[in-house]
Amino acid sequence: MRLGLLIPGAALSLAGVALTAEFDLIGPQFPDAPVEWVGWIVLLLGLFLMRLAAARGS
């Protein structure tokens, strides 16, 4: 596993979760603010980098 991709991927994923977090109990919602869209993009990019790091490590 390559830490050069794993650590930035984990950091991006955590940042994406922080950007998409809504503190209400309504349930899942479609992103309606631009910052939520950015959060989802950052989250998915971080997950992709972590998957890439795992694939290159094996």
PDB file of N, CA and C in Angstrom:
ATOM      1  N   MET A   1       0.851  -1.167   0.000  1.00  0.00           N
ATOM      2  CA  MET A   1       0.000   0.000   0.000  1.00  0.00           C
ATOM      3  C   MET A   1       0.901   1.236   0.000  1.00  0.00           C
ATOM      4  N   ARG A   2       0.621   2.146  -0.849  1.00  0.00           N
ATOM      5  CA  ARG A   2       1.452   3.339  -0.976  1.00  0.00           C
ATOM      6  C   ARG A   2       0.905   4.452  -0.101  1.00  0.00           C
ATOM      7  N   LEU A   3       1.715   4.876   0.863  1.00  0.00           N
ATOM      8  CA  LEU A   3       1.277   5.939   1.766  1.00  0.00           C
ATOM      9  C   LEU A   3       1.210   7.289   1.077  1.00  0.00           C
ATOM     10  N   GLY A   4       1.936   7.439  -0.029  1.00  0.00           N
ATOM     11  CA  GLY A   4       1.898   8.693  -0.771  1.00  0.00           C
ATOM     12  C   GLY A   4       0.525   8.989  -1.350  1.00  0.00           C
ATOM     13  N   LEU A   5      -0.255   7.968  -1.605  1.00  0.00           N
ATOM     14  CA  LEU A   5      -1.624   8.161  -2.100  1.00  0.00           C
ATOM     15  C   LEU A   5      -2.659   7.937  -1.010  1.00  0.00           C
ATOM     16  N   LEU A   6      -2.309   7.100  -0.029  1.00  0.00           N
ATOM     17  CA  LEU A   6      -3.280   6.754   1.009  1.00  0.00           C
ATOM     18  C   LEU A   6      -3.559   7.929   1.943  1.00  0.00           C
ATOM     19  N   ILE A   7      -2.520   8.608   2.369  1.00  0.00           N
ATOM     20  CA  ILE A   7      -2.705   9.706   3.325  1.00  0.00           C
ATOM     21  C   ILE A   7      -3.472  10.875   2.698  1.00  0.00           C
ATOM     22  N   PRO A   8      -3.105  11.350   1.490  1.00  0.00           N
ATOM     23  CA  PRO A   8      -3.934  12.409   0.887  1.00  0.00           C
ATOM     24  C   PRO A   8      -5.364  11.952   0.598  1.00  0.00           C
ATOM     25  N   GLY A   9      -5.530  10.680   0.230  1.00  0.00           N
ATOM     26  CA  GLY A   9      -6.872  10.164  -0.025  1.00  0.00           C
ATOM     27  C   GLY A   9      -7.723  10.178   1.229  1.00  0.00           C
ATOM     28  N   ALA A  10      -7.135   9.772   2.348  1.00  0.00           N
ATOM     29  CA  ALA A  10      -7.872   9.793   3.616  1.00  0.00           C
ATOM     30  C   ALA A  10      -8.200  11.221   4.035  1.00  0.00           C
ATOM     31  N   ALA A  11      -7.259  12.123   3.841  1.00  0.00           N
ATOM     32  CA  ALA A  11      -7.502  13.528   4.203  1.00  0.00           C
ATOM     33  C   ALA A  11      -8.606  14.135   3.341  1.00  0.00           C
ATOM     34  N   LEU A  12      -8.586  13.840   2.045  1.00  0.00           N
ATOM     35  CA  LEU A  12      -9.646  14.349   1.161  1.00  0.00           C
ATOM     36  C   LEU A  12     -11.002  13.762   1.523  1.00  0.00           C
ATOM     37  N   SER A  13     -11.024  12.494   1.879  1.00  0.00           N
ATOM     38  CA  SER A  13     -12.291  11.870   2.257  1.00  0.00           C
ATOM     39  C   SER A  13     -12.863  12.507   3.518  1.00  0.00           C
ATOM     40  N   LEU A  14     -12.011  12.745   4.498  1.00  0.00           N
ATOM     41  CA  LEU A  14     -12.485  13.396   5.725  1.00  0.00           C
ATOM     42  C   LEU A  14     -12.963  14.818   5.457  1.00  0.00           C
ATOM     43  N   ALA A  15     -12.255  15.529   4.601  1.00  0.00           N
ATOM     44  CA  ALA A  15     -12.693  16.888   4.250  1.00  0.00           C
ATOM     45  C   ALA A  15     -14.030  16.848   3.517  1.00  0.00           C
ATOM     46  N   GLY A  16     -14.215  15.869   2.641  1.00  0.00           N
ATOM     47  CA  GLY A  16     -15.488  15.733   1.931  1.00  0.00           C
ATOM     48  C   GLY A  16     -16.633  15.432   2.869  1.00  0.00           C
ATOM     49  N   VAL A  17     -16.386  14.573   3.858  1.00  0.00           N
ATOM     50  CA  VAL A  17     -17.431  14.275   4.845  1.00  0.00           C
ATOM     51  C   VAL A  17     -17.778  15.535   5.634  1.00  0.00           C
ATOM     52  N   ALA A  18     -16.770  16.311   5.990  1.00  0.00           N
ATOM     53  CA  ALA A  18     -17.024  17.542   6.741  1.00  0.00           C
ATOM     54  C   ALA A  18     -17.829  18.549   5.909  1.00  0.00           C
ATOM     55  N   LEU A  19     -17.561  18.612   4.611  1.00  0.00           N
ATOM     56  CA  LEU A  19     -18.289  19.563   3.765  1.00  0.00           C
ATOM     57  C   LEU A  19     -19.723  19.132   3.497  1.00  0.00           C
ATOM     58  N   THR A  20     -19.980  17.839   3.493  1.00  0.00           N
ATOM     59  CA  THR A  20     -21.333  17.367   3.189  1.00  0.00           C
ATOM     60  C   THR A  20     -22.177  17.138   4.434  1.00  0.00           C
ATOM     61  N   ALA A  21     -21.596  17.303   5.610  1.00  0.00           N
ATOM     62  CA  ALA A  21     -22.324  17.009   6.846  1.00  0.00           C
ATOM     63  C   ALA A  21     -23.447  18.020   7.061  1.00  0.00           C
ATOM     64  N   GLU A  22     -24.601  17.491   7.372  1.00  0.00           N
ATOM     65  CA  GLU A  22     -25.751  18.306   7.770  1.00  0.00           C
ATOM     66  C   GLU A  22     -26.242  17.751   9.097  1.00  0.00           C
ATOM     67  N   PHE A  23     -26.452  18.602  10.027  1.00  0.00           N
ATOM     68  CA  PHE A  23     -26.806  18.152  11.357  1.00  0.00           C
ATOM     69  C   PHE A  23     -28.307  18.282  11.584  1.00  0.00           C
ATOM     70  N   ASP A  24     -29.054  17.491  10.833  1.00  0.00           N
ATOM     71  CA  ASP A  24     -30.486  17.396  11.037  1.00  0.00           C
ATOM     72  C   ASP A  24     -30.874  15.927  10.920  1.00  0.00           C
ATOM     73  N   LEU A  25     -32.030  15.599  11.363  1.00  0.00           N
ATOM     74  CA  LEU A  25     -32.445  14.209  11.399  1.00  0.00           C
ATOM     75  C   LEU A  25     -33.506  13.904  10.348  1.00  0.00           C
ATOM     76  N   ILE A  26     -33.483  14.610   9.246  1.00  0.00           N
ATOM     77  CA  ILE A  26     -34.479  14.424   8.199  1.00  0.00           C
ATOM     78  C   ILE A  26     -34.198  13.135   7.412  1.00  0.00           C
ATOM     79  N   GLY A  27     -32.947  12.793   7.245  1.00  0.00           N
ATOM     80  CA  GLY A  27     -32.567  11.631   6.462  1.00  0.00           C
ATOM     81  C   GLY A  27     -31.735  12.060   5.275  1.00  0.00           C
ATOM     82  N   PRO A  28     -31.440  11.125   4.377  1.00  0.00           N
ATOM     83  CA  PRO A  28     -30.613  11.467   3.223  1.00  0.00           C
ATOM     84  C   PRO A  28     -31.295  12.501   2.330  1.00  0.00           C
ATOM     85  N   GLN A  29     -30.507  13.440   1.866  1.00  0.00           N
ATOM     86  CA  GLN A  29     -31.035  14.485   1.006  1.00  0.00           C
ATOM     87  C   GLN A  29     -30.128  14.655  -0.198  1.00  0.00           C
ATOM     88  N   PHE A  30     -30.709  15.129  -1.283  1.00  0.00           N
ATOM     89  CA  PHE A  30     -29.929  15.470  -2.466  1.00  0.00           C
ATOM     90  C   PHE A  30     -29.160  16.756  -2.179  1.00  0.00           C
ATOM     91  N   PRO A  31     -27.884  16.852  -2.574  1.00  0.00           N
ATOM     92  CA  PRO A  31     -27.128  18.078  -2.312  1.00  0.00           C
ATOM     93  C   PRO A  31     -27.793  19.279  -2.971  1.00  0.00           C
ATOM     94  N   ASP A  32     -28.036  20.309  -2.197  1.00  0.00           N
ATOM     95  CA  ASP A  32     -28.708  21.482  -2.748  1.00  0.00           C
ATOM     96  C   ASP A  32     -27.854  22.741  -2.693  1.00  0.00           C
ATOM     97  N   ALA A  33     -26.725  22.702  -2.036  1.00  0.00           N
ATOM     98  CA  ALA A  33     -25.829  23.850  -1.976  1.00  0.00           C
ATOM     99  C   ALA A  33     -24.533  23.513  -2.720  1.00  0.00           C
ATOM    100  N   PRO A  34     -23.896  24.504  -3.302  1.00  0.00           N
ATOM    101  CA  PRO A  34     -22.647  24.239  -4.031  1.00  0.00           C
ATOM    102  C   PRO A  34     -21.561  23.617  -3.156  1.00  0.00           C
ATOM    103  N   VAL A  35     -21.514  23.994  -1.891  1.00  0.00           N
ATOM    104  CA  VAL A  35     -20.488  23.425  -1.017  1.00  0.00           C
ATOM    105  C   VAL A  35     -20.727  21.934  -0.785  1.00  0.00           C
ATOM    106  N   GLU A  36     -21.967  21.502  -0.816  1.00  0.00           N
ATOM    107  CA  GLU A  36     -22.265  20.075  -0.686  1.00  0.00           C
ATOM    108  C   GLU A  36     -21.827  19.306  -1.926  1.00  0.00           C
ATOM    109  N   TRP A  37     -22.001  19.898  -3.098  1.00  0.00           N
ATOM    110  CA  TRP A  37     -21.514  19.255  -4.324  1.00  0.00           C
ATOM    111  C   TRP A  37     -20.003  19.118  -4.280  1.00  0.00           C
ATOM    112  N   VAL A  38     -19.320  20.173  -3.857  1.00  0.00           N
ATOM    113  CA  VAL A  38     -17.864  20.119  -3.737  1.00  0.00           C
ATOM    114  C   VAL A  38     -17.464  19.053  -2.722  1.00  0.00           C
ATOM    115  N   GLY A  39     -18.203  18.952  -1.637  1.00  0.00           N
ATOM    116  CA  GLY A  39     -17.920  17.944  -0.627  1.00  0.00           C
ATOM    117  C   GLY A  39     -18.028  16.533  -1.179  1.00  0.00           C
ATOM    118  N   TRP A  40     -19.051  16.261  -1.962  1.00  0.00           N
ATOM    119  CA  TRP A  40     -19.208  14.937  -2.560  1.00  0.00           C
ATOM    120  C   TRP A  40     -18.093  14.643  -3.553  1.00  0.00           C
ATOM    121  N   ILE A  41     -17.705  15.628  -4.338  1.00  0.00           N
ATOM    122  CA  ILE A  41     -16.623  15.429  -5.302  1.00  0.00           C
ATOM    123  C   ILE A  41     -15.315  15.141  -4.579  1.00  0.00           C
ATOM    124  N   VAL A  42     -15.037  15.899  -3.516  1.00  0.00           N
ATOM    125  CA  VAL A  42     -13.811  15.696  -2.739  1.00  0.00           C
ATOM    126  C   VAL A  42     -13.839  14.326  -2.058  1.00  0.00           C
ATOM    127  N   LEU A  43     -14.982  13.939  -1.523  1.00  0.00           N
ATOM    128  CA  LEU A  43     -15.116  12.633  -0.879  1.00  0.00           C
ATOM    129  C   LEU A  43     -14.849  11.497  -1.865  1.00  0.00           C
ATOM    130  N   LEU A  44     -15.463  11.559  -3.034  1.00  0.00           N
ATOM    131  CA  LEU A  44     -15.266  10.502  -4.026  1.00  0.00           C
ATOM    132  C   LEU A  44     -13.843  10.477  -4.563  1.00  0.00           C
ATOM    133  N   LEU A  45     -13.221  11.641  -4.711  1.00  0.00           N
ATOM    134  CA  LEU A  45     -11.828  11.688  -5.141  1.00  0.00           C
ATOM    135  C   LEU A  45     -10.914  11.058  -4.089  1.00  0.00           C
ATOM    136  N   GLY A  46     -11.180  11.327  -2.821  1.00  0.00           N
ATOM    137  CA  GLY A  46     -10.393  10.720  -1.756  1.00  0.00           C
ATOM    138  C   GLY A  46     -10.544   9.213  -1.715  1.00  0.00           C
ATOM    139  N   LEU A  47     -11.765   8.718  -1.899  1.00  0.00           N
ATOM    140  CA  LEU A  47     -11.982   7.270  -1.926  1.00  0.00           C
ATOM    141  C   LEU A  47     -11.277   6.631  -3.123  1.00  0.00           C
ATOM    142  N   PHE A  48     -11.293   7.315  -4.250  1.00  0.00           N
ATOM    143  CA  PHE A  48     -10.596   6.803  -5.428  1.00  0.00           C
ATOM    144  C   PHE A  48      -9.091   6.725  -5.182  1.00  0.00           C
ATOM    145  N   LEU A  49      -8.520   7.750  -4.547  1.00  0.00           N
ATOM    146  CA  LEU A  49      -7.090   7.722  -4.259  1.00  0.00           C
ATOM    147  C   LEU A  49      -6.727   6.600  -3.289  1.00  0.00           C
ATOM    148  N   MET A  50      -7.584   6.357  -2.309  1.00  0.00           N
ATOM    149  CA  MET A  50      -7.297   5.263  -1.374  1.00  0.00           C
ATOM    150  C   MET A  50      -7.391   3.908  -2.090  1.00  0.00           C
ATOM    151  N   ARG A  51      -8.338   3.768  -2.984  1.00  0.00           N
ATOM    152  CA  ARG A  51      -8.450   2.511  -3.749  1.00  0.00           C
ATOM    153  C   ARG A  51      -7.244   2.333  -4.659  1.00  0.00           C
ATOM    154  N   LEU A  52      -6.787   3.421  -5.274  1.00  0.00           N
ATOM    155  CA  LEU A  52      -5.622   3.372  -6.123  1.00  0.00           C
ATOM    156  C   LEU A  52      -4.375   2.992  -5.315  1.00  0.00           C
ATOM    157  N   ALA A  53      -4.251   3.530  -4.114  1.00  0.00           N
ATOM    158  CA  ALA A  53      -3.113   3.193  -3.261  1.00  0.00           C
ATOM    159  C   ALA A  53      -3.137   1.712  -2.882  1.00  0.00           C
ATOM    160  N   ALA A  54      -4.310   1.176  -2.618  1.00  0.00           N
ATOM    161  CA  ALA A  54      -4.414  -0.237  -2.270  1.00  0.00           C
ATOM    162  C   ALA A  54      -4.103  -1.125  -3.468  1.00  0.00           C
ATOM    163  N   ALA A  55      -4.517  -0.717  -4.649  1.00  0.00           N
ATOM    164  CA  ALA A  55      -4.270  -1.519  -5.850  1.00  0.00           C
ATOM    165  C   ALA A  55      -2.791  -1.517  -6.230  1.00  0.00           C
ATOM    166  N   ARG A  56      -2.127  -0.384  -6.053  1.00  0.00           N
ATOM    167  CA  ARG A  56      -0.712  -0.317  -6.396  1.00  0.00           C
ATOM    168  C   ARG A  56       0.167  -1.008  -5.364  1.00  0.00           C
ATOM    169  N   GLY A  57      -0.346  -1.202  -4.169  1.00  0.00           N
ATOM    170  CA  GLY A  57       0.430  -1.855  -3.132  1.00  0.00           C
ATOM    171  C   GLY A  57       0.437  -3.351  -3.249  1.00  0.00           C
ATOM    172  N   SER A  58      -0.488  -3.912  -3.993  1.00  0.00           N
ATOM    173  CA  SER A  58      -0.552  -5.379  -4.078  1.00  0.00           C
ATOM    174  C   SER A  58       0.058  -5.907  -5.357  1.00  0.00           C
TER     175      SER A  58
END
